[in-house]
PDB file of all heavy atoms in Angstrom:
ATOM      1  N   GLU A   1      16.138  25.312  -3.786  1.00  0.00           N
ATOM      2  CA  GLU A   1      15.883  25.382  -2.347  1.00  0.00           C
ATOM      3  C   GLU A   1      14.388  25.367  -2.073  1.00  0.00           C
ATOM      4  O   GLU A   1      13.907  24.662  -1.170  1.00  0.00           O
ATOM      5  CB  GLU A   1      16.499  26.685  -1.813  1.00  0.00           C
ATOM      6  CG  GLU A   1      16.529  26.794  -0.324  1.00  0.00           C
ATOM      7  CD  GLU A   1      17.146  28.121   0.110  1.00  0.00           C
ATOM      8  OE1 GLU A   1      18.266  28.445  -0.301  1.00  0.00           O
ATOM      9  OE2 GLU A   1      16.475  28.821   0.896  1.00  0.00           O
ATOM     10  N   ILE A   2      13.603  26.095  -2.868  1.00  0.00           N
ATOM     11  CA  ILE A   2      12.134  26.144  -2.716  1.00  0.00           C
ATOM     12  C   ILE A   2      11.551  24.767  -3.031  1.00  0.00           C
ATOM     13  O   ILE A   2      10.662  24.276  -2.316  1.00  0.00           O
ATOM     14  CB  ILE A   2      11.531  27.246  -3.624  1.00  0.00           C
ATOM     15  CG1 ILE A   2      11.951  28.618  -3.121  1.00  0.00           C
ATOM     16  CG2 ILE A   2      10.025  27.132  -3.676  1.00  0.00           C
ATOM     17  CD1 ILE A   2      11.559  29.775  -4.027  1.00  0.00           C
ATOM     18  N   ILE A   3      12.078  24.126  -4.073  1.00  0.00           N
ATOM     19  CA  ILE A   3      11.594  22.787  -4.463  1.00  0.00           C
ATOM     20  C   ILE A   3      11.887  21.798  -3.336  1.00  0.00           C
ATOM     21  O   ILE A   3      11.022  20.991  -2.974  1.00  0.00           O
ATOM     22  CB  ILE A   3      12.227  22.334  -5.798  1.00  0.00           C
ATOM     23  CG1 ILE A   3      11.664  23.185  -6.931  1.00  0.00           C
ATOM     24  CG2 ILE A   3      11.992  20.869  -6.051  1.00  0.00           C
ATOM     25  CD1 ILE A   3      12.335  22.948  -8.274  1.00  0.00           C
ATOM     26  N   GLN A   4      13.099  21.844  -2.768  1.00  0.00           N
ATOM     27  CA  GLN A   4      13.472  20.929  -1.675  1.00  0.00           C
ATOM     28  C   GLN A   4      12.598  21.175  -0.444  1.00  0.00           C
ATOM     29  O   GLN A   4      12.159  20.227   0.218  1.00  0.00           O
ATOM     30  CB  GLN A   4      14.958  21.094  -1.318  1.00  0.00           C
ATOM     31  CG  GLN A   4      15.916  20.582  -2.374  1.00  0.00           C
ATOM     32  CD  GLN A   4      15.683  19.124  -2.718  1.00  0.00           C
ATOM     33  OE1 GLN A   4      15.373  18.302  -1.863  1.00  0.00           O
ATOM     34  NE2 GLN A   4      15.794  18.800  -3.985  1.00  0.00           N
ATOM     35  N   ALA A   5      12.328  22.446  -0.146  1.00  0.00           N
ATOM     36  CA  ALA A   5      11.473  22.786   0.999  1.00  0.00           C
ATOM     37  C   ALA A   5      10.044  22.276   0.762  1.00  0.00           C
ATOM     38  O   ALA A   5       9.403  21.730   1.671  1.00  0.00           O
ATOM     39  CB  ALA A   5      11.475  24.287   1.235  1.00  0.00           C
ATOM     40  N   ALA A   6       9.571  22.447  -0.469  1.00  0.00           N
ATOM     41  CA  ALA A   6       8.234  21.984  -0.828  1.00  0.00           C
ATOM     42  C   ALA A   6       8.159  20.461  -0.739  1.00  0.00           C
ATOM     43  O   ALA A   6       7.170  19.889  -0.250  1.00  0.00           O
ATOM     44  CB  ALA A   6       7.849  22.470  -2.221  1.00  0.00           C
ATOM     45  N   LYS A   7       9.234  19.764  -1.208  1.00  0.00           N
ATOM     46  CA  LYS A   7       9.263  18.294  -1.126  1.00  0.00           C
ATOM     47  C   LYS A   7       9.256  17.846   0.325  1.00  0.00           C
ATOM     48  O   LYS A   7       8.548  16.916   0.705  1.00  0.00           O
ATOM     49  CB  LYS A   7      10.515  17.749  -1.832  1.00  0.00           C
ATOM     50  CG  LYS A   7      10.400  17.646  -3.318  1.00  0.00           C
ATOM     51  CD  LYS A   7      11.655  17.000  -3.895  1.00  0.00           C
ATOM     52  CE  LYS A   7      11.574  16.885  -5.406  1.00  0.00           C
ATOM     53  NZ  LYS A   7      12.787  16.273  -5.964  1.00  0.00           N
ATOM     54  N   ALA A   8      10.037  18.524   1.167  1.00  0.00           N
ATOM     55  CA  ALA A   8      10.103  18.156   2.590  1.00  0.00           C
ATOM     56  C   ALA A   8       8.742  18.370   3.258  1.00  0.00           C
ATOM     57  O   ALA A   8       8.268  17.538   4.035  1.00  0.00           O
ATOM     58  CB  ALA A   8      11.184  18.961   3.287  1.00  0.00           C
ATOM     59  N   GLU A   9       8.134  19.508   2.912  1.00  0.00           N
ATOM     60  CA  GLU A   9       6.812  19.813   3.466  1.00  0.00           C
ATOM     61  C   GLU A   9       5.788  18.804   2.976  1.00  0.00           C
ATOM     62  O   GLU A   9       4.936  18.334   3.740  1.00  0.00           O
ATOM     63  CB  GLU A   9       6.405  21.236   3.058  1.00  0.00           C
ATOM     64  CG  GLU A   9       5.155  21.730   3.755  1.00  0.00           C
ATOM     65  CD  GLU A   9       4.793  23.159   3.361  1.00  0.00           C
ATOM     66  OE1 GLU A   9       5.700  23.998   3.186  1.00  0.00           O
ATOM     67  OE2 GLU A   9       3.578  23.399   3.230  1.00  0.00           O
ATOM     68  N   ALA A  10       5.858  18.429   1.708  1.00  0.00           N
ATOM     69  CA  ALA A  10       4.935  17.453   1.130  1.00  0.00           C
ATOM     70  C   ALA A  10       5.129  16.087   1.788  1.00  0.00           C
ATOM     71  O   ALA A  10       4.152  15.382   2.091  1.00  0.00           O
ATOM     72  CB  ALA A  10       5.135  17.357  -0.374  1.00  0.00           C
ATOM     73  N   GLU A  11       6.401  15.702   2.010  1.00  0.00           N
ATOM     74  CA  GLU A  11       6.667  14.410   2.663  1.00  0.00           C
ATOM     75  C   GLU A  11       6.152  14.416   4.100  1.00  0.00           C
ATOM     76  O   GLU A  11       5.586  13.424   4.572  1.00  0.00           O
ATOM     77  CB  GLU A  11       8.169  14.099   2.628  1.00  0.00           C
ATOM     78  CG  GLU A  11       8.665  13.664   1.260  1.00  0.00           C
ATOM     79  CD  GLU A  11      10.166  13.385   1.249  1.00  0.00           C
ATOM     80  OE1 GLU A  11      10.761  13.200   2.332  1.00  0.00           O
ATOM     81  OE2 GLU A  11      10.724  13.345   0.141  1.00  0.00           O
ATOM     82  N   GLU A  12       6.356  15.546   4.768  1.00  0.00           N
ATOM     83  CA  GLU A  12       5.850  15.658   6.142  1.00  0.00           C
ATOM     84  C   GLU A  12       4.331  15.562   6.156  1.00  0.00           C
ATOM     85  O   GLU A  12       3.744  14.867   6.979  1.00  0.00           O
ATOM     86  CB  GLU A  12       6.313  16.989   6.750  1.00  0.00           C
ATOM     87  CG  GLU A  12       5.917  17.152   8.200  1.00  0.00           C
ATOM     88  CD  GLU A  12       6.356  18.494   8.775  1.00  0.00           C
ATOM     89  OE1 GLU A  12       7.396  19.037   8.361  1.00  0.00           O
ATOM     90  OE2 GLU A  12       5.632  18.996   9.668  1.00  0.00           O
ATOM     91  N   GLU A  13       3.673  16.274   5.256  1.00  0.00           N
ATOM     92  CA  GLU A  13       2.209  16.257   5.136  1.00  0.00           C
ATOM     93  C   GLU A  13       1.736  14.859   4.765  1.00  0.00           C
ATOM     94  O   GLU A  13       0.736  14.365   5.321  1.00  0.00           O
ATOM     95  CB  GLU A  13       1.763  17.282   4.089  1.00  0.00           C
ATOM     96  CG  GLU A  13       0.282  17.600   4.115  1.00  0.00           C
ATOM     97  CD  GLU A  13      -0.197  18.236   5.424  1.00  0.00           C
ATOM     98  OE1 GLU A  13       0.559  18.969   6.086  1.00  0.00           O
ATOM     99  OE2 GLU A  13      -1.343  17.944   5.810  1.00  0.00           O
ATOM    100  N   ALA A  14       2.445  14.197   3.849  1.00  0.00           N
ATOM    101  CA  ALA A  14       2.086  12.833   3.450  1.00  0.00           C
ATOM    102  C   ALA A  14       2.217  11.896   4.640  1.00  0.00           C
ATOM    103  O   ALA A  14       1.395  10.992   4.837  1.00  0.00           O
ATOM    104  CB  ALA A  14       2.966  12.363   2.301  1.00  0.00           C
ATOM    105  N   GLY A  15       3.237  12.095   5.462  1.00  0.00           N
ATOM    106  CA  GLY A  15       3.428  11.279   6.668  1.00  0.00           C
ATOM    107  C   GLY A  15       2.281  11.459   7.640  1.00  0.00           C
ATOM    108  O   GLY A  15       1.766  10.492   8.214  1.00  0.00           O
ATOM    109  N   LYS A  16       1.845  12.729   7.824  1.00  0.00           N
ATOM    110  CA  LYS A  16       0.718  13.009   8.710  1.00  0.00           C
ATOM    111  C   LYS A  16      -0.561  12.361   8.183  1.00  0.00           C
ATOM    112  O   LYS A  16      -1.316  11.761   8.942  1.00  0.00           O
ATOM    113  CB  LYS A  16       0.515  14.525   8.848  1.00  0.00           C
ATOM    114  CG  LYS A  16       1.565  15.225   9.679  1.00  0.00           C
ATOM    115  CD  LYS A  16       1.274  16.724   9.747  1.00  0.00           C
ATOM    116  CE  LYS A  16       2.349  17.493  10.514  1.00  0.00           C
ATOM    117  NZ  LYS A  16       2.094  18.932  10.517  1.00  0.00           N
ATOM    118  N   ILE A  17      -0.779  12.500   6.883  1.00  0.00           N
ATOM    119  CA  ILE A  17      -1.976  11.900   6.251  1.00  0.00           C
ATOM    120  C   ILE A  17      -1.926  10.383   6.392  1.00  0.00           C
ATOM    121  O   ILE A  17      -2.924   9.735   6.713  1.00  0.00           O
ATOM    122  CB  ILE A  17      -2.092  12.337   4.775  1.00  0.00           C
ATOM    123  CG1 ILE A  17      -2.427  13.833   4.704  1.00  0.00           C
ATOM    124  CG2 ILE A  17      -3.132  11.516   4.036  1.00  0.00           C
ATOM    125  CD1 ILE A  17      -2.362  14.428   3.302  1.00  0.00           C
ATOM    126  N   SER A  18      -0.745   9.816   6.168  1.00  0.00           N
ATOM    127  CA  SER A  18      -0.578   8.371   6.282  1.00  0.00           C
ATOM    128  C   SER A  18      -0.852   7.916   7.716  1.00  0.00           C
ATOM    129  O   SER A  18      -1.510   6.897   7.938  1.00  0.00           O
ATOM    130  CB  SER A  18       0.831   7.983   5.858  1.00  0.00           C
ATOM    131  OG  SER A  18       1.020   6.598   6.012  1.00  0.00           O
ATOM    132  N   GLN A  19      -0.365   8.676   8.686  1.00  0.00           N
ATOM    133  CA  GLN A  19      -0.585   8.332  10.094  1.00  0.00           C
ATOM    134  C   GLN A  19      -2.073   8.410  10.431  1.00  0.00           C
ATOM    135  O   GLN A  19      -2.613   7.520  11.073  1.00  0.00           O
ATOM    136  CB  GLN A  19       0.214   9.267  10.994  1.00  0.00           C
ATOM    137  CG  GLN A  19       0.062   8.937  12.475  1.00  0.00           C
ATOM    138  CD  GLN A  19       0.835   9.895  13.373  1.00  0.00           C
ATOM    139  OE1 GLN A  19       1.556  10.769  12.902  1.00  0.00           O
ATOM    140  NE2 GLN A  19       0.676   9.733  14.671  1.00  0.00           N
ATOM    141  N   LYS A  20      -2.753   9.483   9.981  1.00  0.00           N
ATOM    142  CA  LYS A  20      -4.182   9.636  10.226  1.00  0.00           C
ATOM    143  C   LYS A  20      -4.957   8.501   9.561  1.00  0.00           C
ATOM    144  O   LYS A  20      -5.904   7.968  10.139  1.00  0.00           O
ATOM    145  CB  LYS A  20      -4.682  10.996   9.708  1.00  0.00           C
ATOM    146  CG  LYS A  20      -4.317  12.149  10.596  1.00  0.00           C
ATOM    147  CD  LYS A  20      -4.910  13.447  10.067  1.00  0.00           C
ATOM    148  CE  LYS A  20      -4.525  14.626  10.946  1.00  0.00           C
ATOM    149  NZ  LYS A  20      -5.076  15.882  10.440  1.00  0.00           N
ATOM    150  N   SER A  21      -4.548   8.140   8.344  1.00  0.00           N
ATOM    151  CA  SER A  21      -5.207   7.030   7.647  1.00  0.00           C
ATOM    152  C   SER A  21      -5.033   5.734   8.425  1.00  0.00           C
ATOM    153  O   SER A  21      -5.968   4.942   8.570  1.00  0.00           O
ATOM    154  CB  SER A  21      -4.633   6.848   6.251  1.00  0.00           C
ATOM    155  OG  SER A  21      -4.982   7.911   5.425  1.00  0.00           O
ATOM    156  N   GLY A  22      -3.824   5.516   8.927  1.00  0.00           N
ATOM    157  CA  GLY A  22      -3.553   4.310   9.727  1.00  0.00           C
ATOM    158  C   GLY A  22      -4.409   4.266  10.971  1.00  0.00           C
ATOM    159  O   GLY A  22      -4.966   3.219  11.335  1.00  0.00           O
ATOM    160  N   GLU A  23      -4.529   5.419  11.638  1.00  0.00           N
ATOM    161  CA  GLU A  23      -5.372   5.491  12.834  1.00  0.00           C
ATOM    162  C   GLU A  23      -6.835   5.252  12.483  1.00  0.00           C
ATOM    163  O   GLU A  23      -7.543   4.544  13.194  1.00  0.00           O
ATOM    164  CB  GLU A  23      -5.194   6.853  13.507  1.00  0.00           C
ATOM    165  CG  GLU A  23      -3.839   7.048  14.152  1.00  0.00           C
ATOM    166  CD  GLU A  23      -3.595   8.481  14.621  1.00  0.00           C
ATOM    167  OE1 GLU A  23      -4.489   9.342  14.457  1.00  0.00           O
ATOM    168  OE2 GLU A  23      -2.493   8.738  15.159  1.00  0.00           O
ATOM    169  N   ALA A  24      -7.287   5.853  11.369  1.00  0.00           N
ATOM    170  CA  ALA A  24      -8.672   5.670  10.934  1.00  0.00           C
ATOM    171  C   ALA A  24      -8.943   4.206  10.595  1.00  0.00           C
ATOM    172  O   ALA A  24      -9.996   3.652  10.945  1.00  0.00           O
ATOM    173  CB  ALA A  24      -8.986   6.564   9.732  1.00  0.00           C
ATOM    174  N   VAL A  25      -7.989   3.571   9.918  1.00  0.00           N
ATOM    175  CA  VAL A  25      -8.138   2.153   9.579  1.00  0.00           C
ATOM    176  C   VAL A  25      -8.194   1.317  10.851  1.00  0.00           C
ATOM    177  O   VAL A  25      -9.009   0.397  10.977  1.00  0.00           O
ATOM    178  CB  VAL A  25      -6.995   1.682   8.647  1.00  0.00           C
ATOM    179  CG1 VAL A  25      -6.941   0.174   8.547  1.00  0.00           C
ATOM    180  CG2 VAL A  25      -7.148   2.306   7.266  1.00  0.00           C
ATOM    181  N   ALA A  26      -7.347   1.627  11.833  1.00  0.00           N
ATOM    182  CA  ALA A  26      -7.344   0.893  13.100  1.00  0.00           C
ATOM    183  C   ALA A  26      -8.676   1.064  13.834  1.00  0.00           C
ATOM    184  O   ALA A  26      -9.246   0.093  14.347  1.00  0.00           O
ATOM    185  CB  ALA A  26      -6.187   1.352  13.980  1.00  0.00           C
ATOM    186  N   ILE A  27      -9.171   2.313  13.876  1.00  0.00           N
ATOM    187  CA  ILE A  27     -10.458   2.579  14.528  1.00  0.00           C
ATOM    188  C   ILE A  27     -11.573   1.836  13.812  1.00  0.00           C
ATOM    189  O   ILE A  27     -12.425   1.206  14.442  1.00  0.00           O
ATOM    190  CB  ILE A  27     -10.742   4.102  14.593  1.00  0.00           C
ATOM    191  CG1 ILE A  27      -9.775   4.760  15.579  1.00  0.00           C
ATOM    192  CG2 ILE A  27     -12.180   4.380  14.976  1.00  0.00           C
ATOM    193  CD1 ILE A  27      -9.804   6.283  15.548  1.00  0.00           C
ATOM    194  N   TYR A  28     -11.573   1.895  12.484  1.00  0.00           N
ATOM    195  CA  TYR A  28     -12.583   1.188  11.698  1.00  0.00           C
ATOM    196  C   TYR A  28     -12.489  -0.318  11.951  1.00  0.00           C
ATOM    197  O   TYR A  28     -13.512  -0.993  12.109  1.00  0.00           O
ATOM    198  CB  TYR A  28     -12.412   1.504  10.206  1.00  0.00           C
ATOM    199  CG  TYR A  28     -13.476   0.869   9.346  1.00  0.00           C
ATOM    200  CD1 TYR A  28     -14.777   1.363   9.342  1.00  0.00           C
ATOM    201  CD2 TYR A  28     -13.185  -0.234   8.559  1.00  0.00           C
ATOM    202  CE1 TYR A  28     -15.756   0.770   8.562  1.00  0.00           C
ATOM    203  CE2 TYR A  28     -14.148  -0.833   7.780  1.00  0.00           C
ATOM    204  CZ  TYR A  28     -15.434  -0.330   7.781  1.00  0.00           C
ATOM    205  OH  TYR A  28     -16.401  -0.925   7.017  1.00  0.00           O
ATOM    206  N   GLY A  29     -11.275  -0.843  12.019  1.00  0.00           N
ATOM    207  CA  GLY A  29     -11.080  -2.268  12.292  1.00  0.00           C
ATOM    208  C   GLY A  29     -11.644  -2.658  13.648  1.00  0.00           C
ATOM    209  O   GLY A  29     -12.275  -3.708  13.793  1.00  0.00           O
ATOM    210  N   GLU A  30     -11.449  -1.800  14.662  1.00  0.00           N
ATOM    211  CA  GLU A  30     -11.995  -2.060  15.995  1.00  0.00           C
ATOM    212  C   GLU A  30     -13.521  -2.042  15.963  1.00  0.00           C
ATOM    213  O   GLU A  30     -14.171  -2.865  16.611  1.00  0.00           O
ATOM    214  CB  GLU A  30     -11.473  -1.029  17.004  1.00  0.00           C
ATOM    215  CG  GLU A  30     -10.029  -1.231  17.398  1.00  0.00           C
ATOM    216  CD  GLU A  30      -9.799  -2.560  18.088  1.00  0.00           C
ATOM    217  OE1 GLU A  30     -10.610  -2.956  18.963  1.00  0.00           O
ATOM    218  OE2 GLU A  30      -8.806  -3.235  17.742  1.00  0.00           O
TER     219      GLU A  30
END
């Protein structure tokens, strides 16, 4: 259960990081 919670939290965090990276790339592209 702790491992699954940690994986879910990690995936959520990875999604946030990925979104921020995408926004940063878009801003840099502009």
